[in-house]
Amino acid sequence: MGDNGMSLYPNTCLVESKTTVQTVAGTVSPTYATRIASLACSIQNRNLQTTNTFGKPTLVNVYKLYTPFNSTTTAIDPSDRITWRGKIFEITGIGDGAGRQHQFEIDMLEVK
């Protein structure tokens, strides 16, 4: 099978790990540091879901990210966040696609 210029993973995204710091006022504030600067991936918009935000029903975009299964991607933690095309996503699920250690899948909610 020849290369037709199409890639299984045509996009790249940023993966950031979450840490917390205590402010001068004593509150805890989240900060993010780069875990993976350029993750090759494919991202698909799965559907809209209704959530209860501040007592009001709110529609949110649900996405699925596909990436090669390897030691780098399996180090992604559920507390990490994904940035892609100026959008920020919260990770809601992580798994090994079909269970064959071929493709890593991440479920995400768009938060910003």
N, C-alpha and C. Protein backbone atom coordinates (compact mmCIF):
# COMPACT_ATOMS: atom_id res chain seq x y z
N MET A 1 0.84 -1.17 0.00
CA MET A 1 0.00 0.00 0.00
C MET A 1 0.89 1.24 0.00
N GLY A 2 0.70 2.14 -0.94
CA GLY A 2 1.54 3.32 -1.06
C GLY A 2 1.06 4.46 -0.20
N ASP A 3 1.91 5.46 -0.06
CA ASP A 3 1.58 6.65 0.72
C ASP A 3 0.86 7.63 -0.19
N ASN A 4 -0.39 7.93 0.12
CA ASN A 4 -1.16 8.85 -0.70
C ASN A 4 -1.16 10.26 -0.14
N GLY A 5 -0.26 10.54 0.80
CA GLY A 5 -0.19 11.87 1.39
C GLY A 5 -1.13 12.06 2.56
N MET A 6 -1.95 11.07 2.83
CA MET A 6 -2.89 11.17 3.95
C MET A 6 -2.28 10.50 5.17
N SER A 7 -2.46 11.11 6.31
CA SER A 7 -1.94 10.56 7.55
C SER A 7 -3.11 10.16 8.45
N LEU A 8 -2.89 9.12 9.22
CA LEU A 8 -3.91 8.74 10.22
C LEU A 8 -4.02 9.81 11.29
N TYR A 9 -2.94 10.56 11.50
CA TYR A 9 -2.88 11.57 12.55
C TYR A 9 -2.47 12.92 11.95
N PRO A 10 -3.40 13.60 11.25
CA PRO A 10 -3.07 14.82 10.52
C PRO A 10 -2.92 16.08 11.37
N ASN A 11 -3.30 16.01 12.64
CA ASN A 11 -3.25 17.19 13.51
C ASN A 11 -2.13 17.07 14.54
N THR A 12 -1.83 18.17 15.19
CA THR A 12 -0.96 18.14 16.36
C THR A 12 -1.64 18.96 17.44
N CYS A 13 -1.41 18.57 18.68
CA CYS A 13 -1.97 19.31 19.81
C CYS A 13 -0.93 19.39 20.91
N LEU A 14 -1.20 20.22 21.89
CA LEU A 14 -0.34 20.41 23.06
C LEU A 14 -0.98 19.71 24.24
N VAL A 15 -0.19 18.94 24.98
CA VAL A 15 -0.67 18.30 26.20
C VAL A 15 0.05 18.95 27.37
N GLU A 16 -0.73 19.44 28.33
CA GLU A 16 -0.16 20.12 29.50
C GLU A 16 -0.54 19.40 30.78
N SER A 17 0.45 19.28 31.68
CA SER A 17 0.20 18.63 32.97
C SER A 17 -0.17 19.71 33.99
N LYS A 18 -1.07 19.33 34.87
CA LYS A 18 -1.58 20.27 35.88
C LYS A 18 -0.81 20.12 37.18
N THR A 19 -0.42 21.24 37.74
CA THR A 19 0.14 21.29 39.08
C THR A 19 -0.58 22.41 39.82
N THR A 20 -0.44 22.43 41.11
CA THR A 20 -1.07 23.50 41.87
C THR A 20 -0.01 24.24 42.67
N VAL A 21 -0.23 25.53 42.83
CA VAL A 21 0.65 26.36 43.64
C VAL A 21 -0.20 27.14 44.63
N GLN A 22 0.39 27.41 45.75
CA GLN A 22 -0.33 28.19 46.76
C GLN A 22 0.02 29.66 46.57
N THR A 23 -1.01 30.49 46.48
CA THR A 23 -0.80 31.92 46.29
C THR A 23 -0.44 32.59 47.61
N VAL A 24 -0.05 33.84 47.54
CA VAL A 24 0.29 34.61 48.74
C VAL A 24 -0.91 34.68 49.69
N ALA A 25 -2.10 34.72 49.11
CA ALA A 25 -3.32 34.80 49.92
C ALA A 25 -3.69 33.45 50.53
N GLY A 26 -2.95 32.39 50.18
CA GLY A 26 -3.21 31.09 50.76
C GLY A 26 -4.14 30.21 49.94
N THR A 27 -4.63 30.71 48.82
CA THR A 27 -5.49 29.89 47.98
C THR A 27 -4.63 29.02 47.06
N VAL A 28 -5.24 27.95 46.58
CA VAL A 28 -4.54 27.05 45.67
C VAL A 28 -4.95 27.39 44.24
N SER A 29 -3.97 27.57 43.38
CA SER A 29 -4.23 27.94 42.00
C SER A 29 -3.59 26.92 41.06
N PRO A 30 -4.35 26.45 40.05
CA PRO A 30 -3.76 25.49 39.10
C PRO A 30 -2.82 26.18 38.12
N THR A 31 -1.73 25.53 37.78
CA THR A 31 -0.84 25.99 36.73
C THR A 31 -0.58 24.80 35.81
N TYR A 32 -0.18 25.09 34.59
CA TYR A 32 0.03 24.03 33.61
C TYR A 32 1.42 24.14 33.01
N ALA A 33 2.06 22.99 32.82
CA ALA A 33 3.37 22.91 32.21
C ALA A 33 3.29 21.95 31.03
N THR A 34 4.06 22.19 30.00
CA THR A 34 4.03 21.35 28.81
C THR A 34 4.51 19.94 29.13
N ARG A 35 3.66 18.96 28.82
CA ARG A 35 4.04 17.55 28.93
C ARG A 35 4.48 17.04 27.55
N ILE A 36 3.68 17.34 26.51
CA ILE A 36 4.00 16.96 25.14
C ILE A 36 3.74 18.19 24.27
N ALA A 37 4.79 18.72 23.64
CA ALA A 37 4.68 19.97 22.88
C ALA A 37 3.94 19.79 21.56
N SER A 38 4.07 18.64 20.93
CA SER A 38 3.46 18.44 19.62
C SER A 38 3.06 16.98 19.47
N LEU A 39 1.85 16.66 19.88
CA LEU A 39 1.35 15.29 19.82
C LEU A 39 0.62 15.07 18.49
N ALA A 40 1.10 14.13 17.69
CA ALA A 40 0.42 13.79 16.44
C ALA A 40 -0.90 13.11 16.78
N CYS A 41 -2.00 13.58 16.17
CA CYS A 41 -3.30 13.05 16.54
C CYS A 41 -4.34 13.29 15.46
N SER A 42 -5.47 12.66 15.65
CA SER A 42 -6.67 12.92 14.87
C SER A 42 -7.75 13.24 15.90
N ILE A 43 -8.49 14.32 15.69
CA ILE A 43 -9.52 14.74 16.64
C ILE A 43 -10.85 14.80 15.92
N GLN A 44 -11.87 14.18 16.52
CA GLN A 44 -13.20 14.18 15.94
C GLN A 44 -14.21 14.71 16.94
N ASN A 45 -15.10 15.57 16.45
CA ASN A 45 -16.21 16.06 17.26
C ASN A 45 -17.24 14.94 17.32
N ARG A 46 -17.52 14.45 18.53
CA ARG A 46 -18.41 13.30 18.67
C ARG A 46 -19.87 13.71 18.75
N ASN A 47 -20.21 14.65 19.63
CA ASN A 47 -21.60 15.06 19.78
C ASN A 47 -21.69 16.22 20.77
N LEU A 48 -22.88 16.68 20.97
CA LEU A 48 -23.15 17.68 21.99
C LEU A 48 -23.79 16.98 23.18
N GLN A 49 -23.42 17.38 24.38
CA GLN A 49 -24.03 16.83 25.59
C GLN A 49 -24.57 17.98 26.42
N THR A 50 -25.60 17.70 27.18
CA THR A 50 -26.15 18.69 28.09
C THR A 50 -25.57 18.45 29.47
N THR A 51 -25.02 19.50 30.07
CA THR A 51 -24.53 19.41 31.44
C THR A 51 -25.25 20.44 32.28
N ASN A 52 -25.16 20.29 33.57
CA ASN A 52 -25.78 21.23 34.48
C ASN A 52 -24.70 22.16 35.03
N THR A 53 -24.59 23.35 34.45
CA THR A 53 -23.59 24.31 34.86
C THR A 53 -24.27 25.46 35.58
N PHE A 54 -23.91 25.67 36.82
CA PHE A 54 -24.49 26.75 37.64
C PHE A 54 -26.01 26.69 37.66
N GLY A 55 -26.54 25.46 37.73
CA GLY A 55 -27.98 25.29 37.84
C GLY A 55 -28.73 25.46 36.54
N LYS A 56 -28.02 25.61 35.40
CA LYS A 56 -28.68 25.77 34.11
C LYS A 56 -28.16 24.72 33.14
N PRO A 57 -29.06 24.16 32.32
CA PRO A 57 -28.60 23.21 31.30
C PRO A 57 -27.70 23.93 30.30
N THR A 58 -26.59 23.32 29.98
CA THR A 58 -25.62 23.89 29.06
C THR A 58 -25.16 22.83 28.07
N LEU A 59 -25.08 23.18 26.79
CA LEU A 59 -24.57 22.27 25.78
C LEU A 59 -23.05 22.36 25.73
N VAL A 60 -22.38 21.22 25.69
CA VAL A 60 -20.92 21.19 25.58
C VAL A 60 -20.53 20.27 24.42
N ASN A 61 -19.44 20.61 23.76
CA ASN A 61 -18.91 19.77 22.69
C ASN A 61 -18.07 18.65 23.27
N VAL A 62 -18.32 17.43 22.80
CA VAL A 62 -17.56 16.26 23.22
C VAL A 62 -16.70 15.82 22.04
N TYR A 63 -15.41 15.60 22.29
CA TYR A 63 -14.47 15.22 21.24
C TYR A 63 -13.76 13.92 21.61
N LYS A 64 -13.22 13.26 20.59
CA LYS A 64 -12.37 12.09 20.82
C LYS A 64 -11.07 12.34 20.07
N LEU A 65 -9.95 12.12 20.77
CA LEU A 65 -8.61 12.27 20.20
C LEU A 65 -8.04 10.88 20.01
N TYR A 66 -7.47 10.62 18.84
CA TYR A 66 -6.81 9.36 18.53
C TYR A 66 -5.33 9.64 18.30
N THR A 67 -4.46 8.83 18.85
CA THR A 67 -3.02 9.02 18.70
C THR A 67 -2.34 7.65 18.79
N PRO A 68 -1.13 7.52 18.26
CA PRO A 68 -0.45 6.22 18.35
C PRO A 68 -0.26 5.78 19.80
N PHE A 69 -0.33 4.50 20.05
CA PHE A 69 -0.12 3.94 21.38
C PHE A 69 1.38 3.77 21.58
N ASN A 70 1.95 4.50 22.53
CA ASN A 70 3.38 4.37 22.85
C ASN A 70 3.62 4.86 24.27
N SER A 71 4.86 4.81 24.73
CA SER A 71 5.17 5.18 26.11
C SER A 71 4.91 6.66 26.38
N THR A 72 5.02 7.49 25.37
CA THR A 72 4.75 8.92 25.55
C THR A 72 3.27 9.17 25.78
N THR A 73 2.43 8.59 24.92
CA THR A 73 0.99 8.85 25.04
C THR A 73 0.38 8.16 26.25
N THR A 74 0.90 6.99 26.63
CA THR A 74 0.33 6.32 27.80
C THR A 74 0.70 7.02 29.09
N ALA A 75 1.63 7.99 29.04
CA ALA A 75 1.98 8.79 30.23
C ALA A 75 0.99 9.94 30.44
N ILE A 76 0.09 10.18 29.48
CA ILE A 76 -0.91 11.24 29.63
C ILE A 76 -1.82 10.87 30.79
N ASP A 77 -2.07 11.85 31.65
CA ASP A 77 -2.83 11.65 32.88
C ASP A 77 -4.22 12.28 32.73
N PRO A 78 -5.25 11.73 33.37
CA PRO A 78 -6.58 12.33 33.31
C PRO A 78 -6.65 13.78 33.80
N SER A 79 -5.69 14.21 34.62
CA SER A 79 -5.70 15.60 35.10
C SER A 79 -5.04 16.56 34.10
N ASP A 80 -4.43 16.02 33.03
CA ASP A 80 -3.82 16.87 32.00
C ASP A 80 -4.92 17.58 31.22
N ARG A 81 -4.50 18.54 30.42
CA ARG A 81 -5.44 19.17 29.51
C ARG A 81 -4.82 19.22 28.11
N ILE A 82 -5.69 19.35 27.11
CA ILE A 82 -5.28 19.36 25.71
C ILE A 82 -5.60 20.74 25.13
N THR A 83 -4.67 21.29 24.35
CA THR A 83 -4.93 22.53 23.62
C THR A 83 -4.78 22.23 22.14
N TRP A 84 -5.81 22.60 21.36
CA TRP A 84 -5.81 22.35 19.92
C TRP A 84 -6.59 23.45 19.23
N ARG A 85 -5.95 24.10 18.26
CA ARG A 85 -6.58 25.18 17.47
C ARG A 85 -7.19 26.26 18.36
N GLY A 86 -6.47 26.63 19.42
CA GLY A 86 -6.92 27.69 20.31
C GLY A 86 -8.00 27.28 21.30
N LYS A 87 -8.40 26.02 21.28
CA LYS A 87 -9.42 25.52 22.21
C LYS A 87 -8.74 24.70 23.30
N ILE A 88 -9.33 24.74 24.49
CA ILE A 88 -8.80 23.98 25.62
C ILE A 88 -9.81 22.89 25.98
N PHE A 89 -9.29 21.68 26.21
CA PHE A 89 -10.13 20.52 26.50
C PHE A 89 -9.75 19.87 27.81
N GLU A 90 -10.77 19.44 28.54
CA GLU A 90 -10.60 18.66 29.76
C GLU A 90 -10.69 17.18 29.36
N ILE A 91 -9.80 16.36 29.89
CA ILE A 91 -9.82 14.93 29.60
C ILE A 91 -10.87 14.25 30.48
N THR A 92 -11.77 13.50 29.83
CA THR A 92 -12.82 12.80 30.58
C THR A 92 -12.66 11.29 30.54
N GLY A 93 -11.76 10.79 29.69
CA GLY A 93 -11.53 9.36 29.62
C GLY A 93 -10.30 9.06 28.78
N ILE A 94 -9.59 8.01 29.16
CA ILE A 94 -8.38 7.59 28.45
C ILE A 94 -8.44 6.08 28.28
N GLY A 95 -8.07 5.60 27.08
CA GLY A 95 -8.10 4.15 26.90
C GLY A 95 -7.31 3.67 25.71
N ASP A 96 -7.16 2.37 25.66
CA ASP A 96 -6.44 1.67 24.60
C ASP A 96 -7.46 1.18 23.58
N GLY A 97 -7.89 2.08 22.71
CA GLY A 97 -8.81 1.76 21.61
C GLY A 97 -9.45 0.41 21.66
N ALA A 98 -8.99 -0.50 20.82
CA ALA A 98 -9.56 -1.84 20.72
C ALA A 98 -8.87 -2.83 21.65
N GLY A 99 -8.01 -2.34 22.54
CA GLY A 99 -7.33 -3.23 23.47
C GLY A 99 -6.14 -3.95 22.87
N ARG A 100 -5.62 -3.43 21.75
CA ARG A 100 -4.51 -4.10 21.07
C ARG A 100 -3.21 -3.30 21.13
N GLN A 101 -3.17 -2.27 21.93
CA GLN A 101 -2.00 -1.41 22.07
C GLN A 101 -1.53 -0.87 20.72
N HIS A 102 -2.50 -0.47 19.90
CA HIS A 102 -2.19 0.11 18.60
C HIS A 102 -2.54 1.59 18.55
N GLN A 103 -3.71 1.93 19.09
CA GLN A 103 -4.18 3.31 19.06
C GLN A 103 -4.67 3.72 20.44
N PHE A 104 -4.22 4.88 20.89
CA PHE A 104 -4.60 5.42 22.19
C PHE A 104 -5.75 6.41 21.96
N GLU A 105 -6.79 6.35 22.78
CA GLU A 105 -7.96 7.21 22.62
C GLU A 105 -8.20 8.03 23.87
N ILE A 106 -8.53 9.31 23.66
CA ILE A 106 -8.79 10.23 24.77
C ILE A 106 -10.13 10.90 24.52
N ASP A 107 -11.06 10.79 25.47
CA ASP A 107 -12.32 11.50 25.42
C ASP A 107 -12.12 12.87 26.05
N MET A 108 -12.70 13.91 25.44
CA MET A 108 -12.46 15.28 25.91
C MET A 108 -13.73 16.12 25.85
N LEU A 109 -13.80 17.09 26.76
CA LEU A 109 -14.84 18.12 26.74
C LEU A 109 -14.18 19.46 26.46
N GLU A 110 -14.78 20.24 25.56
CA GLU A 110 -14.27 21.57 25.30
C GLU A 110 -14.65 22.48 26.47
N VAL A 111 -13.66 23.11 27.08
CA VAL A 111 -13.94 23.98 28.23
C VAL A 111 -13.67 25.45 27.93
N LYS A 112 -12.94 25.74 26.87
CA LYS A 112 -12.66 27.14 26.52
C LYS A 112 -12.30 27.25 25.07
